[in-house]
Amino acid sequence: MNYLSNKQGFLGIDNKFSIKEKVVVVPFGLEKTVSYGGGTKNGPKEIIKASHQVELYDEELNCEPYKKIGIKTLKPFKIDKNINKALNKISKINEEILNKNIFPLTFGGEHSITPGCIAPFAKKHKKLCLLHFDAHADLRDSYDGEKYSHASAIRRCLDYKNVSVVSFGIRNISKTEVTYFKKNSNRIKIFWAKDKKKWNLNSFKKLIKNKTVYLTFDVDGLDSSIMPATGTPEPGGLLWDETLKIIKIAMKNSKIVGADINELAPIKGFNSYNFLVAKLAYKILSYKFLY
């Protein structure tokens, strides 16, 4: 695998720093099926660029987490325009990372990458639970004639019979998706955004207790007041502290084996949104390896 130098990669760490990596960051700016605003292909490079401004010391954890983790970033590579070939590519990359017992963190690109990302996990583990942050359920069987649309990402993941999903922040769903959800309620749990003040996070803790979990984070799960830099922003979403609280519960009570963050569509001149995603990525990794 070809890596960027420490200084060029995620967090922009000094090149003199050397530690056996526990994490590989995979930039995978696939943009093929976006249905409103575009620009997700630029998400990975802008997350990495913004990460160079993230403070390496974490006041909550009272340390510099990267020194205890070891993070390498893959060099950007060509992504096939054929979505099936692209998904096969990310599947093979994650499989190679997993075979080295390393944690893969993929930066999209659009959410359609996730079925490819989880393929080796679904193959490796008897049961796999997706922890899914999103404004949209992504349970359509197809959208605009494309079965691998970003609007079908979670539905394609559920094609694996050993996969279940717990979704947070959903506030935009079609009638056909509701029908599918009701028919498959034994595999799908939704914490609706409209019920945010009444969420029982103890029930969430029990849901994921000791489970093998893959985290997929569509940034439009965040409220559009703090994350407008996405193709389909939605009001009424998650705020920063609420998001971290859920992730911490997951890290403390389940085994998180991989993650992706997707759907950042950078807005020129508004770097704070790129920075938010970079800091979220660092928090996810810090919680994973220090809790």
C-alpha atoms as a PDB file:
ATOM      1  CA  MET A   1       0.000   0.000   0.000  1.00  0.00           C
ATOM      2  CA  ASN A   2       1.304   3.443  -0.929  1.00  0.00           C
ATOM      3  CA  TYR A   3       1.059   6.014   1.856  1.00  0.00           C
ATOM      4  CA  LEU A   4       1.365   9.780   1.960  1.00  0.00           C
ATOM      5  CA  SER A   5       4.110  11.156   4.190  1.00  0.00           C
ATOM      6  CA  ASN A   6       3.031  11.997   7.739  1.00  0.00           C
ATOM      7  CA  LYS A   7       3.042  15.706   6.928  1.00  0.00           C
ATOM      8  CA  GLN A   8       0.851  15.258   3.857  1.00  0.00           C
ATOM      9  CA  GLY A   9      -1.532  12.767   5.445  1.00  0.00           C
ATOM     10  CA  PHE A  10      -4.353  13.034   7.964  1.00  0.00           C
ATOM     11  CA  LEU A  11      -3.440  15.395  10.865  1.00  0.00           C
ATOM     12  CA  GLY A  12      -0.198  16.544   9.171  1.00  0.00           C
ATOM     13  CA  ILE A  13       2.015  14.889  11.776  1.00  0.00           C
ATOM     14  CA  ASP A  14       5.765  15.540  11.825  1.00  0.00           C
ATOM     15  CA  ASN A  15       7.631  13.174   9.496  1.00  0.00           C
ATOM     16  CA  LYS A  16      10.030  12.298  12.325  1.00  0.00           C
ATOM     17  CA  PHE A  17       7.158  10.632  14.217  1.00  0.00           C
ATOM     18  CA  SER A  18       7.246   6.883  13.699  1.00  0.00           C
ATOM     19  CA  ILE A  19       4.929   4.266  15.177  1.00  0.00           C
ATOM     20  CA  LYS A  20       3.378   1.055  13.900  1.00  0.00           C
ATOM     21  CA  GLU A  21       0.020   2.111  12.482  1.00  0.00           C
ATOM     22  CA  LYS A  22      -3.280   0.914  13.912  1.00  0.00           C
ATOM     23  CA  VAL A  23      -5.339   2.989  11.449  1.00  0.00           C
ATOM     24  CA  VAL A  24      -5.290   3.536   7.698  1.00  0.00           C
ATOM     25  CA  VAL A  25      -7.228   6.507   6.315  1.00  0.00           C
ATOM     26  CA  VAL A  26      -8.592   5.803   2.823  1.00  0.00           C
ATOM     27  CA  PRO A  27      -9.500   8.848   0.669  1.00  0.00           C
ATOM     28  CA  PHE A  28     -12.250   7.628  -1.669  1.00  0.00           C
ATOM     29  CA  GLY A  29     -13.956  10.570  -3.361  1.00  0.00           C
ATOM     30  CA  LEU A  30     -16.527   8.643  -5.369  1.00  0.00           C
ATOM     31  CA  GLU A  31     -19.172  10.962  -6.832  1.00  0.00           C
ATOM     32  CA  LYS A  32     -21.536   9.196  -9.163  1.00  0.00           C
ATOM     33  CA  THR A  33     -25.160   9.325  -7.977  1.00  0.00           C
ATOM     34  CA  VAL A  34     -25.562  12.666  -6.158  1.00  0.00           C
ATOM     35  CA  SER A  35     -29.132  13.912  -6.565  1.00  0.00           C
ATOM     36  CA  TYR A  36     -29.013  17.563  -5.464  1.00  0.00           C
ATOM     37  CA  GLY A  37     -25.801  19.445  -4.623  1.00  0.00           C
ATOM     38  CA  GLY A  38     -22.474  18.082  -5.908  1.00  0.00           C
ATOM     39  CA  GLY A  39     -18.845  18.293  -4.814  1.00  0.00           C
ATOM     40  CA  THR A  40     -18.407  15.201  -2.639  1.00  0.00           C
ATOM     41  CA  LYS A  41     -15.463  14.073  -4.780  1.00  0.00           C
ATOM     42  CA  ASN A  42     -13.490  16.911  -3.153  1.00  0.00           C
ATOM     43  CA  GLY A  43     -14.453  15.870   0.383  1.00  0.00           C
ATOM     44  CA  PRO A  44     -11.478  13.625   1.213  1.00  0.00           C
ATOM     45  CA  LYS A  45      -8.732  16.057   0.210  1.00  0.00           C
ATOM     46  CA  GLU A  46     -10.420  18.937   2.061  1.00  0.00           C
ATOM     47  CA  ILE A  47     -10.874  16.833   5.223  1.00  0.00           C
ATOM     48  CA  ILE A  48      -7.177  15.933   5.140  1.00  0.00           C
ATOM     49  CA  LYS A  49      -6.176  19.551   4.435  1.00  0.00           C
ATOM     50  CA  ALA A  50      -8.340  20.842   7.310  1.00  0.00           C
ATOM     51  CA  SER A  51      -7.020  18.138   9.644  1.00  0.00           C
ATOM     52  CA  HIS A  52      -3.628  19.865   9.607  1.00  0.00           C
ATOM     53  CA  GLN A  53      -5.275  22.606  11.708  1.00  0.00           C
ATOM     54  CA  VAL A  54      -6.760  20.195  14.277  1.00  0.00           C
ATOM     55  CA  GLU A  55      -4.998  20.469  17.635  1.00  0.00           C
ATOM     56  CA  LEU A  56      -3.270  17.148  18.306  1.00  0.00           C
ATOM     57  CA  TYR A  57      -3.781  17.422  22.077  1.00  0.00           C
ATOM     58  CA  ASP A  58      -7.271  16.426  23.253  1.00  0.00           C
ATOM     59  CA  GLU A  59      -8.280  18.215  26.463  1.00  0.00           C
ATOM     60  CA  GLU A  60     -11.063  15.686  27.144  1.00  0.00           C
ATOM     61  CA  LEU A  61      -8.673  12.715  26.984  1.00  0.00           C
ATOM     62  CA  ASN A  62      -5.691  14.644  28.408  1.00  0.00           C
ATOM     63  CA  CYS A  63      -3.207  13.380  25.821  1.00  0.00           C
ATOM     64  CA  GLU A  64      -2.176  13.528  22.163  1.00  0.00           C
ATOM     65  CA  PRO A  65      -4.155  10.499  20.928  1.00  0.00           C
ATOM     66  CA  TYR A  66      -2.268  10.104  17.641  1.00  0.00           C
ATOM     67  CA  LYS A  67       0.854   9.065  19.586  1.00  0.00           C
ATOM     68  CA  LYS A  68      -1.024   6.078  20.990  1.00  0.00           C
ATOM     69  CA  ILE A  69      -2.729   5.149  17.731  1.00  0.00           C
ATOM     70  CA  GLY A  70      -0.460   5.469  14.703  1.00  0.00           C
ATOM     71  CA  ILE A  71      -2.274   6.712  11.593  1.00  0.00           C
ATOM     72  CA  LYS A  72      -1.259   6.325   7.951  1.00  0.00           C
ATOM     73  CA  THR A  73      -3.060   7.841   4.947  1.00  0.00           C
ATOM     74  CA  LEU A  74      -3.246   6.143   1.569  1.00  0.00           C
ATOM     75  CA  LYS A  75      -2.037   8.122  -1.423  1.00  0.00           C
ATOM     76  CA  PRO A  76      -4.991   9.239  -3.565  1.00  0.00           C
ATOM     77  CA  PHE A  77      -5.638   6.921  -6.495  1.00  0.00           C
ATOM     78  CA  LYS A  78      -7.884   6.818  -9.545  1.00  0.00           C
ATOM     79  CA  ILE A  79     -11.490   5.817  -8.829  1.00  0.00           C
ATOM     80  CA  ASP A  80     -13.357   3.986 -11.590  1.00  0.00           C
ATOM     81  CA  LYS A  81     -16.397   5.825 -12.959  1.00  0.00           C
ATOM     82  CA  ASN A  82     -18.319   2.544 -13.040  1.00  0.00           C
ATOM     83  CA  ILE A  83     -19.935   2.338  -9.605  1.00  0.00           C
ATOM     84  CA  ASN A  84     -19.761  -1.466  -9.351  1.00  0.00           C
ATOM     85  CA  LYS A  85     -16.040  -1.436 -10.148  1.00  0.00           C
ATOM     86  CA  ALA A  86     -15.523   1.412  -7.669  1.00  0.00           C
ATOM     87  CA  LEU A  87     -17.305  -0.493  -4.890  1.00  0.00           C
ATOM     88  CA  ASN A  88     -15.268  -3.609  -5.637  1.00  0.00           C
ATOM     89  CA  LYS A  89     -12.129  -1.473  -5.357  1.00  0.00           C
ATOM     90  CA  ILE A  90     -12.954  -0.099  -1.898  1.00  0.00           C
ATOM     91  CA  SER A  91     -13.992  -3.584  -0.787  1.00  0.00           C
ATOM     92  CA  LYS A  92     -10.595  -5.001  -1.781  1.00  0.00           C
ATOM     93  CA  ILE A  93      -8.747  -2.118  -0.116  1.00  0.00           C
ATOM     94  CA  ASN A  94     -10.605  -2.626   3.167  1.00  0.00           C
ATOM     95  CA  GLU A  95     -10.058  -6.375   2.959  1.00  0.00           C
ATOM     96  CA  GLU A  96      -6.307  -5.822   2.590  1.00  0.00           C
ATOM     97  CA  ILE A  97      -6.309  -3.449   5.577  1.00  0.00           C
ATOM     98  CA  LEU A  98      -8.336  -5.906   7.670  1.00  0.00           C
ATOM     99  CA  ASN A  99      -5.969  -8.740   6.815  1.00  0.00           C
ATOM    100  CA  LYS A 100      -3.231  -6.687   8.490  1.00  0.00           C
ATOM    101  CA  ASN A 101      -5.418  -6.266  11.610  1.00  0.00           C
ATOM    102  CA  ILE A 102      -5.591  -2.526  11.017  1.00  0.00           C
ATOM    103  CA  PHE A 103      -8.642  -0.250  11.401  1.00  0.00           C
ATOM    104  CA  PRO A 104      -9.843   1.311   8.097  1.00  0.00           C
ATOM    105  CA  LEU A 105     -11.378   4.802   8.117  1.00  0.00           C
ATOM    106  CA  THR A 106     -12.712   5.813   4.699  1.00  0.00           C
ATOM    107  CA  PHE A 107     -13.353   9.412   3.684  1.00  0.00           C
ATOM    108  CA  GLY A 108     -16.016   9.714   0.932  1.00  0.00           C
ATOM    109  CA  GLY A 109     -17.299  10.723  -1.495  1.00  0.00           C
ATOM    110  CA  GLU A 110     -20.942   9.930  -1.494  1.00  0.00           C
ATOM    111  CA  HIS A 111     -22.694   7.481   0.807  1.00  0.00           C
ATOM    112  CA  SER A 112     -22.969   4.865  -1.935  1.00  0.00           C
ATOM    113  CA  ILE A 113     -19.439   3.758  -0.918  1.00  0.00           C
ATOM    114  CA  THR A 114     -20.653   2.084   2.288  1.00  0.00           C
ATOM    115  CA  PRO A 115     -21.898  -1.260   0.858  1.00  0.00           C
ATOM    116  CA  GLY A 116     -18.446  -1.681  -0.688  1.00  0.00           C
ATOM    117  CA  CYS A 117     -16.709  -0.600   2.527  1.00  0.00           C
ATOM    118  CA  ILE A 118     -18.536  -3.152   4.669  1.00  0.00           C
ATOM    119  CA  ALA A 119     -18.295  -6.129   2.278  1.00  0.00           C
ATOM    120  CA  PRO A 120     -15.160  -7.639   3.903  1.00  0.00           C
ATOM    121  CA  PHE A 121     -16.590  -6.992   7.384  1.00  0.00           C
ATOM    122  CA  ALA A 122     -19.849  -8.774   6.515  1.00  0.00           C
ATOM    123  CA  LYS A 123     -17.775 -11.651   5.190  1.00  0.00           C
ATOM    124  CA  LYS A 124     -15.514 -11.817   8.247  1.00  0.00           C
ATOM    125  CA  HIS A 125     -18.053 -11.486  11.075  1.00  0.00           C
ATOM    126  CA  LYS A 126     -20.987 -13.747  11.859  1.00  0.00           C
ATOM    127  CA  LYS A 127     -23.106 -10.687  12.675  1.00  0.00           C
ATOM    128  CA  LEU A 128     -22.423  -7.022  11.910  1.00  0.00           C
ATOM    129  CA  CYS A 129     -24.357  -4.012  13.188  1.00  0.00           C
ATOM    130  CA  LEU A 130     -24.162  -0.680  11.365  1.00  0.00           C
ATOM    131  CA  LEU A 131     -24.204   2.442  13.535  1.00  0.00           C
ATOM    132  CA  HIS A 132     -25.623   4.883  11.005  1.00  0.00           C
ATOM    133  CA  PHE A 133     -25.743   8.684  11.340  1.00  0.00           C
ATOM    134  CA  ASP A 134     -27.812  10.352   8.633  1.00  0.00           C
ATOM    135  CA  ALA A 135     -30.686  12.681   7.835  1.00  0.00           C
ATOM    136  CA  HIS A 136     -31.987  10.070   5.395  1.00  0.00           C
ATOM    137  CA  ALA A 137     -32.844   6.412   5.918  1.00  0.00           C
ATOM    138  CA  ASP A 138     -31.198   5.401   2.586  1.00  0.00           C
ATOM    139  CA  LEU A 139     -33.529   2.398   2.396  1.00  0.00           C
ATOM    140  CA  ARG A 140     -34.796   2.836  -1.189  1.00  0.00           C
ATOM    141  CA  ASP A 141     -34.308  -0.223  -3.363  1.00  0.00           C
ATOM    142  CA  SER A 142     -33.135   2.116  -6.130  1.00  0.00           C
ATOM    143  CA  TYR A 143     -33.167   5.803  -7.008  1.00  0.00           C
ATOM    144  CA  ASP A 144     -33.259   7.209 -10.531  1.00  0.00           C
ATOM    145  CA  GLY A 145     -32.834   3.627 -11.746  1.00  0.00           C
ATOM    146  CA  GLU A 146     -29.597   3.044  -9.798  1.00  0.00           C
ATOM    147  CA  LYS A 147     -29.576   0.252  -7.190  1.00  0.00           C
ATOM    148  CA  TYR A 148     -26.251   1.494  -5.818  1.00  0.00           C
ATOM    149  CA  SER A 149     -27.423   5.088  -5.367  1.00  0.00           C
ATOM    150  CA  HIS A 150     -26.452   7.075  -2.281  1.00  0.00           C
ATOM    151  CA  ALA A 151     -30.193   6.919  -1.477  1.00  0.00           C
ATOM    152  CA  SER A 152     -29.963   3.108  -1.357  1.00  0.00           C
ATOM    153  CA  ALA A 153     -26.740   2.780   0.643  1.00  0.00           C
ATOM    154  CA  ILE A 154     -28.204   1.171   3.769  1.00  0.00           C
ATOM    155  CA  ARG A 155     -30.630  -0.986   1.764  1.00  0.00           C
ATOM    156  CA  ARG A 156     -27.652  -2.464  -0.123  1.00  0.00           C
ATOM    157  CA  CYS A 157     -25.869  -3.090   3.176  1.00  0.00           C
ATOM    158  CA  LEU A 158     -28.949  -4.969   4.397  1.00  0.00           C
ATOM    159  CA  ASP A 159     -28.693  -7.252   1.369  1.00  0.00           C
ATOM    160  CA  TYR A 160     -26.207  -9.055   3.620  1.00  0.00           C
ATOM    161  CA  LYS A 161     -28.485 -11.170   5.817  1.00  0.00           C
ATOM    162  CA  ASN A 162     -26.089 -10.951   8.773  1.00  0.00           C
ATOM    163  CA  VAL A 163     -26.195  -7.128   8.832  1.00  0.00           C
ATOM    164  CA  SER A 164     -28.498  -5.011  11.025  1.00  0.00           C
ATOM    165  CA  VAL A 165     -28.616  -1.231  11.475  1.00  0.00           C
ATOM    166  CA  VAL A 166     -29.170   1.347  14.203  1.00  0.00           C
ATOM    167  CA  SER A 167     -29.785   4.784  12.679  1.00  0.00           C
ATOM    168  CA  PHE A 168     -29.598   8.180  14.371  1.00  0.00           C
ATOM    169  CA  GLY A 169     -30.969  11.507  13.161  1.00  0.00           C
ATOM    170  CA  ILE A 170     -33.345  10.319  10.423  1.00  0.00           C
ATOM    171  CA  ARG A 171     -35.744  13.079   9.390  1.00  0.00           C
ATOM    172  CA  ASN A 172     -36.328  12.529   5.682  1.00  0.00           C
ATOM    173  CA  ILE A 173     -37.853   9.261   4.476  1.00  0.00           C
ATOM    174  CA  SER A 174     -40.112   8.112   1.634  1.00  0.00           C
ATOM    175  CA  LYS A 175     -43.328   6.111   1.936  1.00  0.00           C
ATOM    176  CA  THR A 176     -41.758   3.041   0.281  1.00  0.00           C
ATOM    177  CA  GLU A 177     -38.850   3.172   2.754  1.00  0.00           C
ATOM    178  CA  VAL A 178     -41.295   3.250   5.676  1.00  0.00           C
ATOM    179  CA  THR A 179     -42.956   0.105   4.302  1.00  0.00           C
ATOM    180  CA  TYR A 180     -39.576  -1.656   4.042  1.00  0.00           C
ATOM    181  CA  PHE A 181     -38.610  -0.475   7.533  1.00  0.00           C
ATOM    182  CA  LYS A 182     -41.815  -1.843   9.073  1.00  0.00           C
ATOM    183  CA  LYS A 183     -41.355  -5.198   7.327  1.00  0.00           C
ATOM    184  CA  ASN A 184     -37.763  -5.421   8.608  1.00  0.00           C
ATOM    185  CA  SER A 185     -38.102  -3.861  12.056  1.00  0.00           C
ATOM    186  CA  ASN A 186     -36.234  -6.817  13.568  1.00  0.00           C
ATOM    187  CA  ARG A 187     -33.086  -5.645  11.719  1.00  0.00           C
ATOM    188  CA  ILE A 188     -33.601  -1.867  11.666  1.00  0.00           C
ATOM    189  CA  LYS A 189     -33.811   0.450  14.679  1.00  0.00           C
ATOM    190  CA  ILE A 190     -34.304   4.177  14.046  1.00  0.00           C
ATOM    191  CA  PHE A 191     -33.768   6.973  16.557  1.00  0.00           C
ATOM    192  CA  TRP A 192     -35.836   9.618  14.777  1.00  0.00           C
ATOM    193  CA  ALA A 193     -34.615  13.217  14.881  1.00  0.00           C
ATOM    194  CA  LYS A 194     -38.117  14.415  15.808  1.00  0.00           C
ATOM    195  CA  ASP A 195     -37.846  12.420  19.050  1.00  0.00           C
ATOM    196  CA  LYS A 196     -34.375  13.685  19.957  1.00  0.00           C
ATOM    197  CA  LYS A 197     -35.420  15.074  23.355  1.00  0.00           C
ATOM    198  CA  LYS A 198     -36.978  11.713  24.269  1.00  0.00           C
ATOM    199  CA  TRP A 199     -34.196   9.387  23.067  1.00  0.00           C
ATOM    200  CA  ASN A 200     -33.478   6.602  25.550  1.00  0.00           C
ATOM    201  CA  LEU A 201     -29.736   6.137  25.157  1.00  0.00           C
ATOM    202  CA  ASN A 202     -29.792   3.332  27.724  1.00  0.00           C
ATOM    203  CA  SER A 203     -31.859   1.314  25.246  1.00  0.00           C
ATOM    204  CA  PHE A 204     -29.239   2.142  22.594  1.00  0.00           C
ATOM    205  CA  LYS A 205     -26.517   0.876  24.936  1.00  0.00           C
ATOM    206  CA  LYS A 206     -28.392  -2.423  25.348  1.00  0.00           C
ATOM    207  CA  LEU A 207     -28.960  -2.683  21.585  1.00  0.00           C
ATOM    208  CA  ILE A 208     -25.247  -2.607  20.797  1.00  0.00           C
ATOM    209  CA  LYS A 209     -23.846  -4.239  23.943  1.00  0.00           C
ATOM    210  CA  ASN A 210     -20.895  -6.475  22.982  1.00  0.00           C
ATOM    211  CA  LYS A 211     -21.830  -6.353  19.285  1.00  0.00           C
ATOM    212  CA  THR A 212     -19.453  -6.002  16.343  1.00  0.00           C
ATOM    213  CA  VAL A 213     -20.198  -2.567  14.901  1.00  0.00           C
ATOM    214  CA  TYR A 214     -19.253  -0.635  11.767  1.00  0.00           C
ATOM    215  CA  LEU A 215     -19.790   3.138  11.980  1.00  0.00           C
ATOM    216  CA  THR A 216     -21.047   4.975   8.891  1.00  0.00           C
ATOM    217  CA  PHE A 217     -21.442   8.737   9.201  1.00  0.00           C
ATOM    218  CA  ASP A 218     -23.221  10.820   6.574  1.00  0.00           C
ATOM    219  CA  VAL A 219     -22.456  14.414   7.569  1.00  0.00           C
ATOM    220  CA  ASP A 220     -26.002  15.520   6.684  1.00  0.00           C
ATOM    221  CA  GLY A 221     -26.973  13.708   9.891  1.00  0.00           C
ATOM    222  CA  LEU A 222     -25.684  16.864  11.565  1.00  0.00           C
ATOM    223  CA  ASP A 223     -28.015  19.837  11.727  1.00  0.00           C
ATOM    224  CA  SER A 224     -27.767  22.076   8.660  1.00  0.00           C
ATOM    225  CA  SER A 225     -26.919  25.043  10.911  1.00  0.00           C
ATOM    226  CA  ILE A 226     -23.521  23.468  11.632  1.00  0.00           C
ATOM    227  CA  MET A 227     -23.188  21.383   8.448  1.00  0.00           C
ATOM    228  CA  PRO A 228     -24.590  23.045   5.305  1.00  0.00           C
ATOM    229  CA  ALA A 229     -21.649  21.732   3.226  1.00  0.00           C
ATOM    230  CA  THR A 230     -23.410  18.627   1.982  1.00  0.00           C
ATOM    231  CA  GLY A 231     -25.525  17.733  -1.025  1.00  0.00           C
ATOM    232  CA  THR A 232     -28.838  17.364   0.838  1.00  0.00           C
ATOM    233  CA  PRO A 233     -28.730  19.413   4.074  1.00  0.00           C
ATOM    234  CA  GLU A 234     -31.654  19.034   6.483  1.00  0.00           C
ATOM    235  CA  PRO A 235     -32.763  21.102   9.501  1.00  0.00           C
ATOM    236  CA  GLY A 236     -33.521  19.410  12.805  1.00  0.00           C
ATOM    237  CA  GLY A 237     -30.408  17.263  13.029  1.00  0.00           C
ATOM    238  CA  LEU A 238     -27.695  16.353  15.499  1.00  0.00           C
ATOM    239  CA  LEU A 239     -25.438  18.897  17.167  1.00  0.00           C
ATOM    240  CA  TRP A 240     -21.783  18.335  18.094  1.00  0.00           C
ATOM    241  CA  ASP A 241     -22.089  17.320  21.754  1.00  0.00           C
ATOM    242  CA  GLU A 242     -25.084  15.061  21.078  1.00  0.00           C
ATOM    243  CA  THR A 243     -23.129  13.287  18.362  1.00  0.00           C
ATOM    244  CA  LEU A 244     -20.063  12.683  20.526  1.00  0.00           C
ATOM    245  CA  LYS A 245     -22.210  11.346  23.364  1.00  0.00           C
ATOM    246  CA  ILE A 246     -23.682   8.645  21.084  1.00  0.00           C
ATOM    247  CA  ILE A 247     -20.284   7.718  19.659  1.00  0.00           C
ATOM    248  CA  LYS A 248     -18.796   7.427  23.156  1.00  0.00           C
ATOM    249  CA  ILE A 249     -21.584   5.080  24.262  1.00  0.00           C
ATOM    250  CA  ALA A 250     -20.907   2.938  21.196  1.00  0.00           C
ATOM    251  CA  MET A 251     -17.150   2.860  21.769  1.00  0.00           C
ATOM    252  CA  LYS A 252     -17.548   1.873  25.428  1.00  0.00           C
ATOM    253  CA  ASN A 253     -20.141  -0.853  24.873  1.00  0.00           C
ATOM    254  CA  SER A 254     -19.405  -2.462  21.503  1.00  0.00           C
ATOM    255  CA  LYS A 255     -16.500  -3.400  19.286  1.00  0.00           C
ATOM    256  CA  ILE A 256     -16.157  -0.821  16.495  1.00  0.00           C
ATOM    257  CA  VAL A 257     -14.220  -2.502  13.674  1.00  0.00           C
ATOM    258  CA  GLY A 258     -14.242   0.133  10.919  1.00  0.00           C
ATOM    259  CA  ALA A 259     -15.789   3.428   9.833  1.00  0.00           C
ATOM    260  CA  ASP A 260     -16.540   5.782   6.985  1.00  0.00           C
ATOM    261  CA  ILE A 261     -17.424   9.476   6.892  1.00  0.00           C
ATOM    262  CA  ASN A 262     -19.080  10.726   3.747  1.00  0.00           C
ATOM    263  CA  GLU A 263     -21.130  13.358   1.877  1.00  0.00           C
ATOM    264  CA  LEU A 264     -18.990  16.405   2.697  1.00  0.00           C
ATOM    265  CA  ALA A 265     -19.364  18.769  -0.278  1.00  0.00           C
ATOM    266  CA  PRO A 266     -16.860  21.549   0.511  1.00  0.00           C
ATOM    267  CA  ILE A 267     -17.945  25.174   0.054  1.00  0.00           C
ATOM    268  CA  LYS A 268     -15.118  27.415  -1.119  1.00  0.00           C
ATOM    269  CA  GLY A 269     -14.129  29.888   1.592  1.00  0.00           C
ATOM    270  CA  PHE A 270     -16.022  28.100   4.367  1.00  0.00           C
ATOM    271  CA  ASN A 271     -13.305  25.927   5.859  1.00  0.00           C
ATOM    272  CA  SER A 272     -15.045  25.534   9.226  1.00  0.00           C
ATOM    273  CA  TYR A 273     -17.225  22.751   7.806  1.00  0.00           C
ATOM    274  CA  ASN A 274     -14.202  20.813   6.545  1.00  0.00           C
ATOM    275  CA  PHE A 275     -12.574  21.340   9.932  1.00  0.00           C
ATOM    276  CA  LEU A 276     -15.628  19.992  11.764  1.00  0.00           C
ATOM    277  CA  VAL A 277     -15.443  16.733   9.791  1.00  0.00           C
ATOM    278  CA  ALA A 278     -11.676  16.446  10.339  1.00  0.00           C
ATOM    279  CA  LYS A 279     -12.130  16.913  14.086  1.00  0.00           C
ATOM    280  CA  LEU A 280     -14.994  14.385  14.096  1.00  0.00           C
ATOM    281  CA  ALA A 281     -12.706  11.837  12.427  1.00  0.00           C
ATOM    282  CA  TYR A 282      -9.980  12.440  15.038  1.00  0.00           C
ATOM    283  CA  LYS A 283     -12.548  12.101  17.858  1.00  0.00           C
ATOM    284  CA  ILE A 284     -13.832   8.798  16.458  1.00  0.00           C
ATOM    285  CA  LEU A 285     -10.306   7.381  16.310  1.00  0.00           C
ATOM    286  CA  SER A 286      -9.390   8.769  19.729  1.00  0.00           C
ATOM    287  CA  TYR A 287     -12.459   7.244  21.384  1.00  0.00           C
ATOM    288  CA  LYS A 288     -11.893   3.957  19.568  1.00  0.00           C
ATOM    289  CA  PHE A 289      -8.339   3.464  20.798  1.00  0.00           C
ATOM    290  CA  LEU A 290      -8.346   5.270  24.153  1.00  0.00           C
ATOM    291  CA  TYR A 291     -11.645   4.093  25.666  1.00  0.00           C
END
